[in-house]
PDB file of N, CA and C in Angstrom:
ATOM      1  N   MET A   1       9.473   5.235  13.535  1.00  0.00           N
ATOM      2  CA  MET A   1       9.848   6.303  13.607  1.00  0.00           C
ATOM      3  C   MET A   1      10.446   6.706  12.108  1.00  0.00           C
ATOM      4  N   ALA A   2       9.557   8.019  12.287  1.00  0.00           N
ATOM      5  CA  ALA A   2      10.139   9.154  11.428  1.00  0.00           C
ATOM      6  C   ALA A   2      11.351   9.423  10.752  1.00  0.00           C
ATOM      7  N   VAL A   3      11.265   9.354   9.769  1.00  0.00           N
ATOM      8  CA  VAL A   3      12.318   9.727   8.753  1.00  0.00           C
ATOM      9  C   VAL A   3      12.881  11.397   8.222  1.00  0.00           C
ATOM     10  N   HIS A   4      13.862  11.351   8.027  1.00  0.00           N
ATOM     11  CA  HIS A   4      13.761  12.902   7.663  1.00  0.00           C
ATOM     12  C   HIS A   4      13.798  13.000   6.153  1.00  0.00           C
ATOM     13  N   ASN A   5      12.793  13.576   5.576  1.00  0.00           N
ATOM     14  CA  ASN A   5      11.905  13.542   4.765  1.00  0.00           C
ATOM     15  C   ASN A   5      13.136  14.726   3.255  1.00  0.00           C
ATOM     16  N   THR A   6      13.949  13.642   2.249  1.00  0.00           N
ATOM     17  CA  THR A   6      15.012  14.518   1.325  1.00  0.00           C
ATOM     18  C   THR A   6      13.952  15.254   0.466  1.00  0.00           C
ATOM     19  N   PRO A   7      14.620  16.491  -0.493  1.00  0.00           N
ATOM     20  CA  PRO A   7      13.211  17.131  -1.216  1.00  0.00           C
ATOM     21  C   PRO A   7      12.420  16.502  -1.742  1.00  0.00           C
ATOM     22  N   GLU A   8      13.300  15.544  -2.614  1.00  0.00           N
ATOM     23  CA  GLU A   8      12.432  14.429  -3.243  1.00  0.00           C
ATOM     24  C   GLU A   8      11.534  14.192  -2.853  1.00  0.00           C
ATOM     25  N   GLU A   9      11.414  13.644  -1.821  1.00  0.00           N
ATOM     26  CA  GLU A   9      10.579  12.873  -1.468  1.00  0.00           C
ATOM     27  C   GLU A   9       9.462  13.621  -1.508  1.00  0.00           C
ATOM     28  N   ARG A  10       9.956  15.064  -0.862  1.00  0.00           N
ATOM     29  CA  ARG A  10       8.807  15.974  -0.474  1.00  0.00           C
ATOM     30  C   ARG A  10       8.204  16.727  -1.664  1.00  0.00           C
ATOM     31  N   LYS A  11       8.891  16.353  -2.611  1.00  0.00           N
ATOM     32  CA  LYS A  11       7.951  16.735  -4.222  1.00  0.00           C
ATOM     33  C   LYS A  11       7.181  15.667  -4.625  1.00  0.00           C
ATOM     34  N   LEU A  12       7.501  14.750  -4.121  1.00  0.00           N
ATOM     35  CA  LEU A  12       6.952  13.317  -4.947  1.00  0.00           C
ATOM     36  C   LEU A  12       5.267  13.327  -3.806  1.00  0.00           C
ATOM     37  N   ILE A  13       5.905  13.348  -2.768  1.00  0.00           N
ATOM     38  CA  ILE A  13       4.055  13.989  -2.145  1.00  0.00           C
ATOM     39  C   ILE A  13       3.414  14.783  -2.352  1.00  0.00           C
ATOM     40  N   GLN A  14       4.015  15.576  -2.996  1.00  0.00           N
ATOM     41  CA  GLN A  14       3.596  16.258  -3.552  1.00  0.00           C
ATOM     42  C   GLN A  14       2.865  16.081  -5.155  1.00  0.00           C
ATOM     43  N   LEU A  15       3.523  15.661  -5.869  1.00  0.00           N
ATOM     44  CA  LEU A  15       3.537  14.702  -7.307  1.00  0.00           C
ATOM     45  C   LEU A  15       1.395  13.672  -7.301  1.00  0.00           C
ATOM     46  N   ILE A  16       1.625  12.875  -5.853  1.00  0.00           N
ATOM     47  CA  ILE A  16       0.845  11.947  -5.905  1.00  0.00           C
ATOM     48  C   ILE A  16      -0.334  12.817  -5.538  1.00  0.00           C
ATOM     49  N   GLY A  17      -0.518  13.482  -4.620  1.00  0.00           N
ATOM     50  CA  GLY A  17      -1.221  13.963  -4.635  1.00  0.00           C
ATOM     51  C   GLY A  17      -2.267  14.710  -5.847  1.00  0.00           C
ATOM     52  N   GLN A  18      -1.566  15.325  -6.976  1.00  0.00           N
ATOM     53  CA  GLN A  18      -2.562  15.481  -7.466  1.00  0.00           C
ATOM     54  C   GLN A  18      -2.451  14.307  -8.971  1.00  0.00           C
ATOM     55  N   MET A  19      -1.860  12.756  -8.706  1.00  0.00           N
ATOM     56  CA  MET A  19      -2.475  11.932  -9.421  1.00  0.00           C
ATOM     57  C   MET A  19      -3.975  11.199  -9.699  1.00  0.00           C
ATOM     58  N   PRO A  20      -5.210  11.276 -10.389  1.00  0.00           N
ATOM     59  CA  PRO A  20      -5.778  11.267 -10.087  1.00  0.00           C
ATOM     60  C   PRO A  20      -6.358   9.776  -9.697  1.00  0.00           C
ATOM     61  N   LEU A  21      -5.971   8.712  -8.592  1.00  0.00           N
ATOM     62  CA  LEU A  21      -6.126   7.701  -8.232  1.00  0.00           C
ATOM     63  C   LEU A  21      -6.995   7.893  -7.059  1.00  0.00           C
ATOM     64  N   SER A  22      -7.367   6.723  -6.355  1.00  0.00           N
ATOM     65  CA  SER A  22      -8.041   6.812  -5.194  1.00  0.00           C
ATOM     66  C   SER A  22      -7.218   7.677  -3.895  1.00  0.00           C
ATOM     67  N   ALA A  23      -8.697   8.685  -2.689  1.00  0.00           N
ATOM     68  CA  ALA A  23      -7.612   9.270  -2.133  1.00  0.00           C
ATOM     69  C   ALA A  23      -6.816   8.146  -0.721  1.00  0.00           C
ATOM     70  N   GLU A  24      -7.366   7.070  -0.751  1.00  0.00           N
ATOM     71  CA  GLU A  24      -7.395   5.835   0.096  1.00  0.00           C
ATOM     72  C   GLU A  24      -5.590   5.753  -0.495  1.00  0.00           C
ATOM     73  N   GLN A  25      -5.489   5.329  -1.452  1.00  0.00           N
ATOM     74  CA  GLN A  25      -4.210   4.729  -1.380  1.00  0.00           C
ATOM     75  C   GLN A  25      -3.157   5.904  -1.820  1.00  0.00           C
ATOM     76  N   LYS A  26      -3.724   7.399  -2.145  1.00  0.00           N
ATOM     77  CA  LYS A  26      -2.616   8.297  -1.998  1.00  0.00           C
ATOM     78  C   LYS A  26      -2.127   8.502  -0.603  1.00  0.00           C
ATOM     79  N   GLN A  27      -3.248   8.684  -0.092  1.00  0.00           N
ATOM     80  CA  GLN A  27      -3.087   8.801   1.398  1.00  0.00           C
ATOM     81  C   GLN A  27      -2.033   7.261   1.789  1.00  0.00           C
ATOM     82  N   SER A  28      -1.847   6.363   1.909  1.00  0.00           N
ATOM     83  CA  SER A  28      -1.249   5.405   2.196  1.00  0.00           C
ATOM     84  C   SER A  28      -0.253   5.281   2.283  1.00  0.00           C
ATOM     85  N   TRP A  29       0.615   5.899   0.391  1.00  0.00           N
ATOM     86  CA  TRP A  29       1.920   5.929  -0.127  1.00  0.00           C
ATOM     87  C   TRP A  29       2.254   7.332   0.661  1.00  0.00           C
ATOM     88  N   THR A  30       1.452   8.402   0.511  1.00  0.00           N
ATOM     89  CA  THR A  30       2.166   9.508   1.114  1.00  0.00           C
ATOM     90  C   THR A  30       2.668   9.059   3.024  1.00  0.00           C
ATOM     91  N   ASP A  31       1.523   8.450   3.432  1.00  0.00           N
ATOM     92  CA  ASP A  31       2.396   7.937   5.593  1.00  0.00           C
ATOM     93  C   ASP A  31       3.281   7.078   4.824  1.00  0.00           C
ATOM     94  N   THR A  32       3.575   6.490   4.487  1.00  0.00           N
ATOM     95  CA  THR A  32       5.100   5.092   4.195  1.00  0.00           C
ATOM     96  C   THR A  32       5.625   6.329   3.677  1.00  0.00           C
ATOM     97  N   ILE A  33       5.801   7.008   2.974  1.00  0.00           N
ATOM     98  CA  ILE A  33       6.845   7.874   2.170  1.00  0.00           C
ATOM     99  C   ILE A  33       7.295   8.924   3.538  1.00  0.00           C
ATOM    100  N   ARG A  34       6.424   9.165   4.401  1.00  0.00           N
ATOM    101  CA  ARG A  34       6.649  10.135   5.647  1.00  0.00           C
ATOM    102  C   ARG A  34       7.147   9.681   6.757  1.00  0.00           C
ATOM    103  N   GLU A  35       6.580   8.583   6.904  1.00  0.00           N
ATOM    104  CA  GLU A  35       7.464   7.568   8.077  1.00  0.00           C
ATOM    105  C   GLU A  35       8.561   6.742   7.637  1.00  0.00           C
ATOM    106  N   TYR A  36       8.448   6.284   6.269  1.00  0.00           N
ATOM    107  CA  TYR A  36       9.724   5.435   6.005  1.00  0.00           C
ATOM    108  C   TYR A  36      10.502   6.205   5.102  1.00  0.00           C
ATOM    109  N   GLY A  37       9.885   7.281   4.197  1.00  0.00           N
ATOM    110  CA  GLY A  37      10.814   6.525   3.134  1.00  0.00           C
ATOM    111  C   GLY A  37      10.401   5.840   2.055  1.00  0.00           C
ATOM    112  N   LEU A  38      11.376   6.552   1.316  1.00  0.00           N
ATOM    113  CA  LEU A  38      11.101   6.370  -0.771  1.00  0.00           C
ATOM    114  C   LEU A  38      11.811   4.903  -1.136  1.00  0.00           C
ATOM    115  N   ASN A  39      11.455   3.805  -1.187  1.00  0.00           N
ATOM    116  CA  ASN A  39      12.133   2.673  -1.545  1.00  0.00           C
ATOM    117  C   ASN A  39      11.860   2.397  -3.203  1.00  0.00           C
ATOM    118  N   GLU A  40      12.834   1.068  -3.694  1.00  0.00           N
ATOM    119  CA  GLU A  40      12.434   1.039  -5.435  1.00  0.00           C
ATOM    120  C   GLU A  40      11.101   0.367  -4.876  1.00  0.00           C
ATOM    121  N   GLU A  41      10.531  -0.544  -4.077  1.00  0.00           N
ATOM    122  CA  GLU A  41       9.785  -1.450  -4.601  1.00  0.00           C
ATOM    123  C   GLU A  41       7.769  -0.463  -4.256  1.00  0.00           C
ATOM    124  N   LEU A  42       8.179   0.682  -3.387  1.00  0.00           N
ATOM    125  CA  LEU A  42       7.422   1.780  -3.339  1.00  0.00           C
ATOM    126  C   LEU A  42       7.281   2.597  -4.964  1.00  0.00           C
ATOM    127  N   ALA A  43       8.755   3.220  -5.338  1.00  0.00           N
ATOM    128  CA  ALA A  43       8.561   3.486  -6.464  1.00  0.00           C
ATOM    129  C   ALA A  43       7.918   2.647  -7.835  1.00  0.00           C
ATOM    130  N   GLU A  44       7.930   1.810  -7.679  1.00  0.00           N
ATOM    131  CA  GLU A  44       7.564   0.782  -9.090  1.00  0.00           C
ATOM    132  C   GLU A  44       6.302   0.851  -8.477  1.00  0.00           C
ATOM    133  N   GLU A  45       5.699   0.714  -7.478  1.00  0.00           N
ATOM    134  CA  GLU A  45       4.719   0.606  -7.321  1.00  0.00           C
ATOM    135  C   GLU A  45       3.013   1.728  -7.906  1.00  0.00           C
ATOM    136  N   ILE A  46       3.723   2.968  -7.257  1.00  0.00           N
ATOM    137  CA  ILE A  46       3.290   3.974  -7.575  1.00  0.00           C
ATOM    138  C   ILE A  46       3.707   3.867  -9.414  1.00  0.00           C
ATOM    139  N   ARG A  47       4.610   3.786  -9.891  1.00  0.00           N
ATOM    140  CA  ARG A  47       4.476   3.628 -11.474  1.00  0.00           C
ATOM    141  C   ARG A  47       3.653   2.996 -11.931  1.00  0.00           C
ATOM    142  N   GLN A  48       3.432   1.514 -11.741  1.00  0.00           N
ATOM    143  CA  GLN A  48       2.433   0.811 -12.095  1.00  0.00           C
ATOM    144  C   GLN A  48       1.673   1.712 -11.957  1.00  0.00           C
ATOM    145  N   LYS A  49       0.437   1.928 -10.822  1.00  0.00           N
ATOM    146  CA  LYS A  49      -0.330   2.334 -10.680  1.00  0.00           C
ATOM    147  C   LYS A  49      -0.701   3.699 -11.480  1.00  0.00           C
ATOM    148  N   LEU A  50       0.113   4.201 -11.660  1.00  0.00           N
ATOM    149  CA  LEU A  50       0.187   5.530 -12.933  1.00  0.00           C
ATOM    150  C   LEU A  50      -0.099   5.136 -14.182  1.00  0.00           C
ATOM    151  N   ILE A  51       0.752   4.231 -14.575  1.00  0.00           N
ATOM    152  CA  ILE A  51       0.887   3.904 -15.990  1.00  0.00           C
ATOM    153  C   ILE A  51      -0.429   3.291 -16.046  1.00  0.00           C
ATOM    154  N   GLN A  52      -1.557   2.392 -15.281  1.00  0.00           N
ATOM    155  CA  GLN A  52      -2.758   2.006 -15.873  1.00  0.00           C
ATOM    156  C   GLN A  52      -3.731   2.502 -15.935  1.00  0.00           C
ATOM    157  N   ILE A  53      -3.517   2.748 -17.401  1.00  0.00           N
ATOM    158  CA  ILE A  53      -5.333   3.761 -17.905  1.00  0.00           C
ATOM    159  C   ILE A  53      -6.592   2.640 -18.269  1.00  0.00           C
ATOM    160  N   PRO A  54      -7.747   3.085 -16.762  1.00  0.00           N
ATOM    161  CA  PRO A  54      -8.899   2.784 -17.343  1.00  0.00           C
ATOM    162  C   PRO A  54      -9.277   3.174 -18.709  1.00  0.00           C
ATOM    163  N   GLU A  55     -10.471   1.798 -18.524  1.00  0.00           N
ATOM    164  CA  GLU A  55     -10.918   2.131 -19.941  1.00  0.00           C
ATOM    165  C   GLU A  55     -12.346   3.845 -19.978  1.00  0.00           C
ATOM    166  N   GLY A  56     -11.956   3.988 -20.973  1.00  0.00           N
ATOM    167  CA  GLY A  56     -13.425   4.640 -21.077  1.00  0.00           C
ATOM    168  C   GLY A  56     -12.518   6.493 -20.696  1.00  0.00           C
ATOM    169  N   GLU A  57     -10.840   6.737 -20.209  1.00  0.00           N
ATOM    170  CA  GLU A  57     -10.653   7.466 -20.054  1.00  0.00           C
ATOM    171  C   GLU A  57     -10.303   8.986 -21.138  1.00  0.00           C
ATOM    172  N   ASP A  58     -10.579   9.556 -20.776  1.00  0.00           N
ATOM    173  CA  ASP A  58     -10.456  10.633 -22.973  1.00  0.00           C
ATOM    174  C   ASP A  58      -8.809  11.225 -22.658  1.00  0.00           C
ATOM    175  N   GLU A  59      -8.799  11.773 -23.741  1.00  0.00           N
ATOM    176  CA  GLU A  59      -7.655  12.181 -24.235  1.00  0.00           C
ATOM    177  C   GLU A  59      -6.732  12.931 -23.371  1.00  0.00           C
ATOM    178  N   PRO A  60      -7.301  14.228 -22.533  1.00  0.00           N
ATOM    179  CA  PRO A  60      -6.928  15.272 -21.210  1.00  0.00           C
ATOM    180  C   PRO A  60      -6.318  14.294 -20.478  1.00  0.00           C
ATOM    181  N   ALA A  61      -7.117  13.604 -20.366  1.00  0.00           N
ATOM    182  CA  ALA A  61      -6.818  12.507 -19.018  1.00  0.00           C
ATOM    183  C   ALA A  61      -5.109  11.552 -18.889  1.00  0.00           C
ATOM    184  N   LYS A  62      -5.618  10.936 -20.038  1.00  0.00           N
ATOM    185  CA  LYS A  62      -4.353  10.540 -20.467  1.00  0.00           C
ATOM    186  C   LYS A  62      -3.123  11.023 -20.637  1.00  0.00           C
ATOM    187  N   ALA A  63      -3.289  12.162 -21.561  1.00  0.00           N
ATOM    188  CA  ALA A  63      -2.000  13.563 -21.302  1.00  0.00           C
ATOM    189  C   ALA A  63      -1.611  13.925 -20.100  1.00  0.00           C
ATOM    190  N   ARG A  64      -2.936  13.851 -18.964  1.00  0.00           N
ATOM    191  CA  ARG A  64      -1.982  13.957 -17.781  1.00  0.00           C
ATOM    192  C   ARG A  64      -1.602  13.169 -16.917  1.00  0.00           C
ATOM    193  N   ARG A  65      -1.826  11.946 -17.048  1.00  0.00           N
ATOM    194  CA  ARG A  65      -0.994  10.469 -17.030  1.00  0.00           C
ATOM    195  C   ARG A  65      -0.223  10.747 -17.050  1.00  0.00           C
ATOM    196  N   ALA A  66       0.448  10.724 -18.477  1.00  0.00           N
ATOM    197  CA  ALA A  66       1.361  10.749 -18.937  1.00  0.00           C
ATOM    198  C   ALA A  66       2.537  11.614 -18.799  1.00  0.00           C
ATOM    199  N   ARG A  67       1.943  12.917 -18.441  1.00  0.00           N
ATOM    200  CA  ARG A  67       2.714  13.868 -17.583  1.00  0.00           C
ATOM    201  C   ARG A  67       3.277  13.769 -16.018  1.00  0.00           C
ATOM    202  N   LEU A  68       1.936  13.565 -15.558  1.00  0.00           N
ATOM    203  CA  LEU A  68       3.139  12.874 -13.921  1.00  0.00           C
ATOM    204  C   LEU A  68       3.906  11.721 -14.102  1.00  0.00           C
ATOM    205  N   ALA A  69       3.305  10.648 -15.166  1.00  0.00           N
ATOM    206  CA  ALA A  69       4.916   9.294 -15.248  1.00  0.00           C
ATOM    207  C   ALA A  69       6.113  10.203 -15.878  1.00  0.00           C
ATOM    208  N   ILE A  70       6.430  11.236 -16.694  1.00  0.00           N
ATOM    209  CA  ILE A  70       7.197  11.462 -17.087  1.00  0.00           C
ATOM    210  C   ILE A  70       7.613  12.356 -15.525  1.00  0.00           C
ATOM    211  N   GLU A  71       7.123  12.940 -15.108  1.00  0.00           N
ATOM    212  CA  GLU A  71       7.733  13.841 -13.779  1.00  0.00           C
ATOM    213  C   GLU A  71       8.075  12.530 -12.821  1.00  0.00           C
ATOM    214  N   LEU A  72       6.838  11.711 -12.410  1.00  0.00           N
ATOM    215  CA  LEU A  72       7.645  10.737 -11.352  1.00  0.00           C
ATOM    216  C   LEU A  72       8.641  10.382 -11.671  1.00  0.00           C
ATOM    217  N   THR A  73       8.984   9.766 -12.736  1.00  0.00           N
ATOM    218  CA  THR A  73      10.534   9.129 -13.100  1.00  0.00           C
ATOM    219  C   THR A  73      11.790  10.190 -13.077  1.00  0.00           C
ATOM    220  N   HIS A  74      11.136  11.298 -13.263  1.00  0.00           N
ATOM    221  CA  HIS A  74      12.573  12.158 -13.280  1.00  0.00           C
ATOM    222  C   HIS A  74      12.888  12.222 -11.709  1.00  0.00           C
ATOM    223  N   LEU A  75      11.780  12.798 -10.910  1.00  0.00           N
ATOM    224  CA  LEU A  75      12.044  12.459  -9.633  1.00  0.00           C
ATOM    225  C   LEU A  75      12.289  11.120  -8.695  1.00  0.00           C
ATOM    226  N   VAL A  76      12.092   9.847  -9.406  1.00  0.00           N
ATOM    227  CA  VAL A  76      12.667   8.910  -8.727  1.00  0.00           C
ATOM    228  C   VAL A  76      14.305   9.016  -8.892  1.00  0.00           C
ATOM    229  N   LYS A  77      14.034   9.594 -10.348  1.00  0.00           N
ATOM    230  CA  LYS A  77      15.911   9.590 -10.966  1.00  0.00           C
ATOM    231  C   LYS A  77      16.732  10.424 -10.303  1.00  0.00           C
ATOM    232  N   GLN A  78      16.506  11.532  -9.565  1.00  0.00           N
ATOM    233  CA  GLN A  78      16.370  12.493  -8.567  1.00  0.00           C
ATOM    234  C   GLN A  78      16.999  11.952  -7.125  1.00  0.00           C
ATOM    235  N   TRP A  79      16.161  11.606  -6.927  1.00  0.00           N
ATOM    236  CA  TRP A  79      15.854  10.352  -5.503  1.00  0.00           C
ATOM    237  C   TRP A  79      17.267   9.426  -5.622  1.00  0.00           C
ATOM    238  N   ARG A  80      17.277   8.787  -6.696  1.00  0.00           N
ATOM    239  CA  ARG A  80      18.368   7.568  -6.873  1.00  0.00           C
ATOM    240  C   ARG A  80      19.877   8.093  -6.565  1.00  0.00           C
ATOM    241  N   PHE A  81      19.896   9.376  -7.840  1.00  0.00           N
ATOM    242  CA  PHE A  81      20.986   9.891  -7.520  1.00  0.00           C
ATOM    243  C   PHE A  81      21.919  10.553  -6.173  1.00  0.00           C
ATOM    244  N   SER A  82      20.770  11.272  -5.516  1.00  0.00           N
ATOM    245  CA  SER A  82      20.686  11.799  -4.356  1.00  0.00           C
ATOM    246  C   SER A  82      21.266  10.630  -2.919  1.00  0.00           C
ATOM    247  N   GLN A  83      20.204   9.263  -3.097  1.00  0.00           N
ATOM    248  CA  GLN A  83      20.649   8.513  -2.531  1.00  0.00           C
ATOM    249  C   GLN A  83      22.068   7.878  -2.397  1.00  0.00           C
ATOM    250  N   GLN A  84      23.025   7.919  -3.845  1.00  0.00           N
ATOM    251  CA  GLN A  84      23.902   7.436  -4.228  1.00  0.00           C
ATOM    252  C   GLN A  84      25.123   8.333  -3.750  1.00  0.00           C
ATOM    253  N   SER A  85      24.436   9.632  -3.745  1.00  0.00           N
ATOM    254  CA  SER A  85      25.914  10.505  -3.416  1.00  0.00           C
ATOM    255  C   SER A  85      25.590  10.378  -1.819  1.00  0.00           C
ATOM    256  N   ARG A  86      24.801  11.069  -1.016  1.00  0.00           N
ATOM    257  CA  ARG A  86      24.998  10.345   0.225  1.00  0.00           C
ATOM    258  C   ARG A  86      25.924   8.810   0.572  1.00  0.00           C
ATOM    259  N   ARG A  87      25.331   8.191  -0.466  1.00  0.00           N
ATOM    260  CA  ARG A  87      26.421   6.608   0.351  1.00  0.00           C
ATOM    261  C   ARG A  87      27.556   7.511  -0.377  1.00  0.00           C
ATOM    262  N   PHE A  88      28.100   7.053  -1.149  1.00  0.00           N
ATOM    263  CA  PHE A  88      29.255   7.991  -1.643  1.00  0.00           C
ATOM    264  C   PHE A  88      30.213   8.413  -0.723  1.00  0.00           C
ATOM    265  N   ASN A  89      29.381  10.062  -0.217  1.00  0.00           N
ATOM    266  CA  ASN A  89      30.182  10.851   1.126  1.00  0.00           C
ATOM    267  C   ASN A  89      30.758   9.987   1.829  1.00  0.00           C
ATOM    268  N   LYS A  90      29.805   8.720   2.860  1.00  0.00           N
ATOM    269  CA  LYS A  90      29.963   8.261   3.505  1.00  0.00           C
ATOM    270  C   LYS A  90      31.454   6.803   3.332  1.00  0.00           C
ATOM    271  N   ARG A  91      32.016   6.898   2.880  1.00  0.00           N
ATOM    272  CA  ARG A  91      32.696   5.837   2.280  1.00  0.00           C
ATOM    273  C   ARG A  91      34.398   6.909   3.367  1.00  0.00           C
TER     274      ARG A  91
END
């Protein structure tokens, strides 16, 4: 069953599309987020894959990865905050 994606999840889907990774990996993550939503394990998997720098990558590509990692961290923090706020309001 598909879930209603939050704005943070939609931004994360866009960010995943910009990552210098394989199309299969990006599609898998995108489908998972669209179908089940984001979770802590998936966020950590994405982060780990993004920060792994392949040998021989040039400096501009490393800088791009660093920028994407910062954006990813920011979006995950926003997502956590919105999830906590939603849970707090239900009390």
